[in-house]
Amino acid sequence: MPCQAVLRAQHIPATSDRLRDPAALTEAIREIQIAHLVGVILDEGVVAERAWEGPWLLRQRLGHLDPYRLRGSVEALRVAISLPPKLHRYVEIMPVAIQRAAELVCTKYGGDADRIWADGLTAAEVERRLLAFYRIGPKKAAMTVELRISQFGARFADLRGTNVAYDVHVRRVFLRTGLVDSDSIQIVTDAARRLTPDRPGYIDMPTWVIGRRWCRPTQPLCPECPLTDVCRKLTNRNVITN
């Protein structure tokens, strides 16, 4: 499958202008760097739009996003997240995750989340740093590294260390196009490295967009998909989720 066919989706607008750290929020995130970290943490078990609205709604309810105040505010976070409409489905987990993230930002990065992903670090090192945060696993870490590059212009060294996020939409596209014949994080990661070896993470967003918009779990929109001419259309394949 030609790489160019996948990368055409890179410039297709997602279904919301607030999707996955969109341009509409980029400047605000530049101003309050922990907002991006909070959004990454919240991007779990809810749709992307809801996760990325979370930091701004949380700031409205708390009146701040100061890591030095967040580190001692589990109960305040729990109340803010639980108020109707709830900011997240995991009203017990997310306050702890945000508090622990703020604690690590304060103790290891001097209160400045921007230091987590500073220019000049290797992409692999940034991913390792992100993995140290509670509730940030390989999928979120890979997504965040690529977002820092594509949305914020981060200048990381050795982009061969980027990865695709092991996301349900990405996995489904890889399976149905025949890029992989079975589904595991290692198999999907290796396939992305073969496809775009200089920057494996570059294929993350376009495949995610294709999976979310066209390559649906049921009734996929194959004729409208940018990959329709090159895809094997193995639509009997689907991702098994727990």
Protein backbone atom coordinates (compact mmCIF):
# COMPACT_ATOMS: atom_id res chain seq x y z
CA MET A 1 0.00 0.00 0.00
CA PRO A 2 1.64 3.28 -1.06
CA CYS A 3 2.53 5.49 1.88
CA GLN A 4 1.25 8.55 0.01
CA ALA A 5 -2.27 7.13 0.02
CA VAL A 6 -2.31 7.06 3.81
CA LEU A 7 -0.65 10.43 4.20
CA ARG A 8 -3.33 12.13 2.11
CA ALA A 9 -5.47 11.95 5.23
CA GLN A 10 -2.93 14.11 7.08
CA HIS A 11 -4.60 17.22 5.68
CA ILE A 12 -8.23 16.10 5.98
CA PRO A 13 -9.98 17.99 8.79
CA ALA A 14 -11.05 15.75 11.63
CA THR A 15 -14.70 15.63 12.65
CA SER A 16 -14.26 18.44 15.14
CA ASP A 17 -11.96 21.47 15.22
CA ARG A 18 -11.16 20.45 18.78
CA LEU A 19 -10.00 16.97 17.95
CA ARG A 20 -6.71 15.63 19.36
CA ASP A 21 -5.09 18.91 20.32
CA PRO A 22 -6.44 20.94 17.38
CA ALA A 23 -5.13 24.25 16.13
CA ALA A 24 -7.99 26.10 17.88
CA LEU A 25 -6.45 25.18 21.25
CA THR A 26 -2.77 25.23 20.34
CA GLU A 27 -2.04 28.80 21.42
CA ALA A 28 -3.76 28.32 24.77
CA ILE A 29 -1.78 25.14 25.36
CA ARG A 30 1.43 27.03 24.55
CA GLU A 31 0.53 29.49 27.29
CA ILE A 32 -0.33 26.86 29.93
CA GLN A 33 1.81 23.85 29.17
CA ILE A 34 0.32 21.58 31.81
CA ALA A 35 -2.98 21.87 29.92
CA HIS A 36 -1.57 19.58 27.24
CA LEU A 37 -0.45 17.07 29.82
CA VAL A 38 -3.88 17.14 31.47
CA GLY A 39 -5.54 16.61 28.08
CA VAL A 40 -3.32 13.60 27.41
CA ILE A 41 -4.25 12.09 30.77
CA LEU A 42 -7.96 12.67 30.18
CA ASP A 43 -7.79 11.07 26.70
CA GLU A 44 -8.93 7.69 27.97
CA GLY A 45 -12.34 6.07 27.95
CA VAL A 46 -14.05 9.12 26.42
CA VAL A 47 -14.25 10.57 22.91
CA ALA A 48 -11.33 12.77 21.91
CA GLU A 49 -13.41 15.96 21.79
CA ARG A 50 -14.48 15.52 25.39
CA ALA A 51 -10.95 14.76 26.57
CA TRP A 52 -9.45 17.85 24.96
CA GLU A 53 -12.15 20.16 26.26
CA GLY A 54 -11.39 18.85 29.75
CA PRO A 55 -8.43 21.09 30.65
CA TRP A 56 -10.34 24.26 29.78
CA LEU A 57 -13.47 23.22 31.65
CA LEU A 58 -11.31 22.14 34.58
CA ARG A 59 -9.60 25.50 34.60
CA GLN A 60 -12.97 27.24 34.63
CA ARG A 61 -14.16 25.17 37.57
CA LEU A 62 -10.96 25.41 39.62
CA GLY A 63 -10.00 28.91 38.57
CA HIS A 64 -6.47 27.80 37.68
CA LEU A 65 -4.24 25.08 36.28
CA ASP A 66 -1.29 25.79 38.54
CA PRO A 67 0.71 22.57 39.07
CA TYR A 68 1.84 23.70 42.52
CA ARG A 69 -1.79 23.99 43.57
CA LEU A 70 -2.96 20.89 41.70
CA ARG A 71 -0.41 18.70 43.48
CA GLY A 72 -2.28 19.09 46.76
CA SER A 73 -5.82 19.19 45.42
CA VAL A 74 -7.14 15.67 44.89
CA GLU A 75 -10.44 16.42 46.58
CA ALA A 76 -10.86 19.73 44.73
CA LEU A 77 -10.10 17.94 41.47
CA ARG A 78 -12.60 15.22 42.29
CA VAL A 79 -15.32 17.79 42.96
CA ALA A 80 -14.51 19.76 39.80
CA ILE A 81 -14.55 16.66 37.61
CA SER A 82 -17.72 15.30 39.21
CA LEU A 83 -19.82 18.44 38.86
CA PRO A 84 -22.54 18.10 36.24
CA PRO A 85 -21.91 17.75 33.44
CA LYS A 86 -19.10 15.40 34.51
CA LEU A 87 -15.79 16.11 32.83
CA HIS A 88 -14.90 12.44 32.65
CA ARG A 89 -16.38 9.02 33.26
CA TYR A 90 -13.51 8.07 35.62
CA VAL A 91 -14.29 10.47 38.42
CA GLU A 92 -12.13 8.61 40.94
CA ILE A 93 -9.12 7.80 38.75
CA MET A 94 -8.61 11.09 36.90
CA PRO A 95 -8.26 13.37 39.96
CA VAL A 96 -5.47 11.14 41.25
CA ALA A 97 -3.82 10.97 37.83
CA ILE A 98 -3.84 14.77 37.45
CA GLN A 99 -2.60 15.30 41.01
CA ARG A 100 0.24 12.83 40.50
CA ALA A 101 1.15 14.44 37.19
CA ALA A 102 1.29 17.86 38.84
CA GLU A 103 3.49 16.43 41.60
CA LEU A 104 5.96 15.02 39.08
CA VAL A 105 5.97 18.24 37.06
CA CYS A 106 6.80 20.19 40.21
CA THR A 107 9.44 17.87 41.63
CA LYS A 108 11.22 16.83 38.42
CA TYR A 109 10.56 19.68 35.99
CA GLY A 110 10.44 22.74 38.25
CA GLY A 111 6.73 23.28 37.67
CA ASP A 112 7.22 23.68 33.92
CA ALA A 113 5.62 20.91 31.88
CA ASP A 114 7.31 22.30 28.78
CA ARG A 115 10.57 20.82 30.02
CA ILE A 116 9.16 17.30 29.55
CA TRP A 117 9.33 17.71 25.78
CA ALA A 118 12.09 20.30 25.37
CA ASP A 119 13.66 20.80 21.96
CA GLY A 120 16.82 18.84 21.38
CA LEU A 121 15.73 15.74 23.27
CA THR A 122 15.37 12.58 21.24
CA ALA A 123 11.85 11.47 20.43
CA ALA A 124 12.53 8.24 22.32
CA GLU A 125 13.59 10.14 25.45
CA VAL A 126 10.43 12.27 25.40
CA GLU A 127 8.36 9.10 25.13
CA ARG A 128 10.23 7.58 28.10
CA ARG A 129 9.58 10.71 30.16
CA LEU A 130 5.88 10.58 29.39
CA LEU A 131 5.69 6.91 30.37
CA ALA A 132 6.73 7.90 33.89
CA PHE A 133 3.34 9.60 34.40
CA TYR A 134 0.48 7.67 35.95
CA ARG A 135 -2.16 6.70 33.34
CA ILE A 136 0.12 7.48 30.40
CA GLY A 137 0.99 4.26 28.60
CA PRO A 138 2.64 3.58 25.24
CA LYS A 139 -0.41 4.66 23.23
CA LYS A 140 -0.74 8.07 24.87
CA ALA A 141 3.01 8.61 24.93
CA ALA A 142 3.39 7.92 21.20
CA MET A 143 0.44 10.16 20.38
CA THR A 144 1.83 13.01 22.49
CA VAL A 145 5.29 12.89 20.94
CA GLU A 146 3.80 13.12 17.47
CA LEU A 147 1.45 15.95 18.50
CA ARG A 148 4.35 17.94 19.91
CA ILE A 149 6.04 17.65 16.52
CA SER A 150 3.07 18.14 14.21
CA GLN A 151 1.03 20.69 16.19
CA PHE A 152 3.69 22.55 18.15
CA GLY A 153 6.73 22.36 15.92
CA ALA A 154 8.88 20.59 18.49
CA ARG A 155 12.40 19.96 17.26
CA PHE A 156 13.26 16.56 18.64
CA ALA A 157 16.36 14.66 17.64
CA ASP A 158 16.17 11.30 15.88
CA LEU A 159 12.56 11.06 14.80
CA ARG A 160 13.12 7.40 14.07
CA GLY A 161 12.19 7.00 17.75
CA THR A 162 8.60 8.12 17.18
CA ASN A 163 5.81 5.54 17.17
CA VAL A 164 2.22 5.14 16.06
CA ALA A 165 -0.24 5.06 18.91
CA TYR A 166 -1.65 1.59 19.50
CA ASP A 167 -5.14 3.01 19.09
CA VAL A 168 -8.23 1.06 18.07
CA HIS A 169 -8.73 3.14 14.90
CA VAL A 170 -5.09 2.82 13.82
CA ARG A 171 -5.10 -0.91 14.48
CA ARG A 172 -8.29 -1.44 12.46
CA VAL A 173 -6.84 0.37 9.43
CA PHE A 174 -3.61 -1.62 9.63
CA LEU A 175 -5.56 -4.89 9.76
CA ARG A 176 -8.02 -4.13 6.98
CA THR A 177 -5.47 -2.74 4.55
CA GLY A 178 -3.31 -5.80 5.07
CA LEU A 179 -0.40 -3.87 6.54
CA VAL A 180 -0.54 -6.45 9.34
CA ASP A 181 -2.13 -9.88 9.55
CA SER A 182 -2.47 -9.97 13.33
CA ASP A 183 -2.92 -7.39 16.03
CA SER A 184 -0.29 -6.69 18.67
CA ILE A 185 1.55 -3.54 19.69
CA GLN A 186 4.84 -4.92 18.43
CA ILE A 187 3.44 -6.01 15.06
CA VAL A 188 1.71 -2.67 14.45
CA THR A 189 4.78 -0.71 15.58
CA ASP A 190 7.07 -2.73 13.32
CA ALA A 191 4.75 -2.19 10.36
CA ALA A 192 4.80 1.59 10.86
CA ARG A 193 8.59 1.50 11.06
CA ARG A 194 8.76 -0.30 7.73
CA LEU A 195 6.32 2.12 6.11
CA THR A 196 7.89 5.41 7.29
CA PRO A 197 11.25 4.50 8.83
CA ASP A 198 12.54 8.07 9.17
CA ARG A 199 9.52 9.03 11.30
CA PRO A 200 7.17 6.15 12.10
CA GLY A 201 4.83 8.39 14.10
CA TYR A 202 4.06 10.46 11.01
CA ILE A 203 1.51 7.90 9.91
CA ASP A 204 -0.33 8.00 13.25
CA MET A 205 -2.74 10.88 12.66
CA PRO A 206 -3.76 10.04 9.07
CA THR A 207 -4.51 6.42 9.88
CA TRP A 208 -6.42 7.51 12.99
CA VAL A 209 -8.52 9.92 10.92
CA ILE A 210 -9.20 7.22 8.31
CA GLY A 211 -10.20 4.74 10.99
CA ARG A 212 -12.51 7.14 12.77
CA ARG A 213 -14.18 8.63 9.72
CA TRP A 214 -14.31 5.90 7.07
CA CYS A 215 -12.94 2.56 8.28
CA ARG A 216 -15.65 2.11 10.88
CA PRO A 217 -16.10 -1.07 12.93
CA THR A 218 -19.39 -1.71 11.13
CA GLN A 219 -20.59 -0.42 7.76
CA PRO A 220 -17.24 1.07 6.69
CA LEU A 221 -17.43 3.79 4.05
CA CYS A 222 -14.95 2.16 1.66
CA PRO A 223 -15.97 3.99 -1.56
CA GLU A 224 -15.40 7.37 0.13
CA CYS A 225 -12.13 6.45 1.85
CA PRO A 226 -8.82 7.94 0.57
CA LEU A 227 -7.41 4.42 0.57
CA THR A 228 -10.12 2.86 -1.56
CA ASP A 229 -7.88 2.34 -4.59
CA VAL A 230 -5.07 0.62 -2.68
CA CYS A 231 -6.78 -1.01 0.30
CA ARG A 232 -7.35 -4.76 0.32
CA LYS A 233 -10.68 -4.06 2.06
CA LEU A 234 -10.40 -6.91 4.55
CA THR A 235 -13.49 -5.62 6.30
CA ASN A 236 -14.10 -8.91 8.04
CA ARG A 237 -11.14 -8.01 10.24
CA ASN A 238 -11.87 -6.04 13.37
CA VAL A 239 -10.07 -5.09 16.55
CA ILE A 240 -10.85 -7.13 19.64
CA THR A 241 -11.16 -4.88 22.68
CA ASN A 242 -11.61 -5.85 26.30
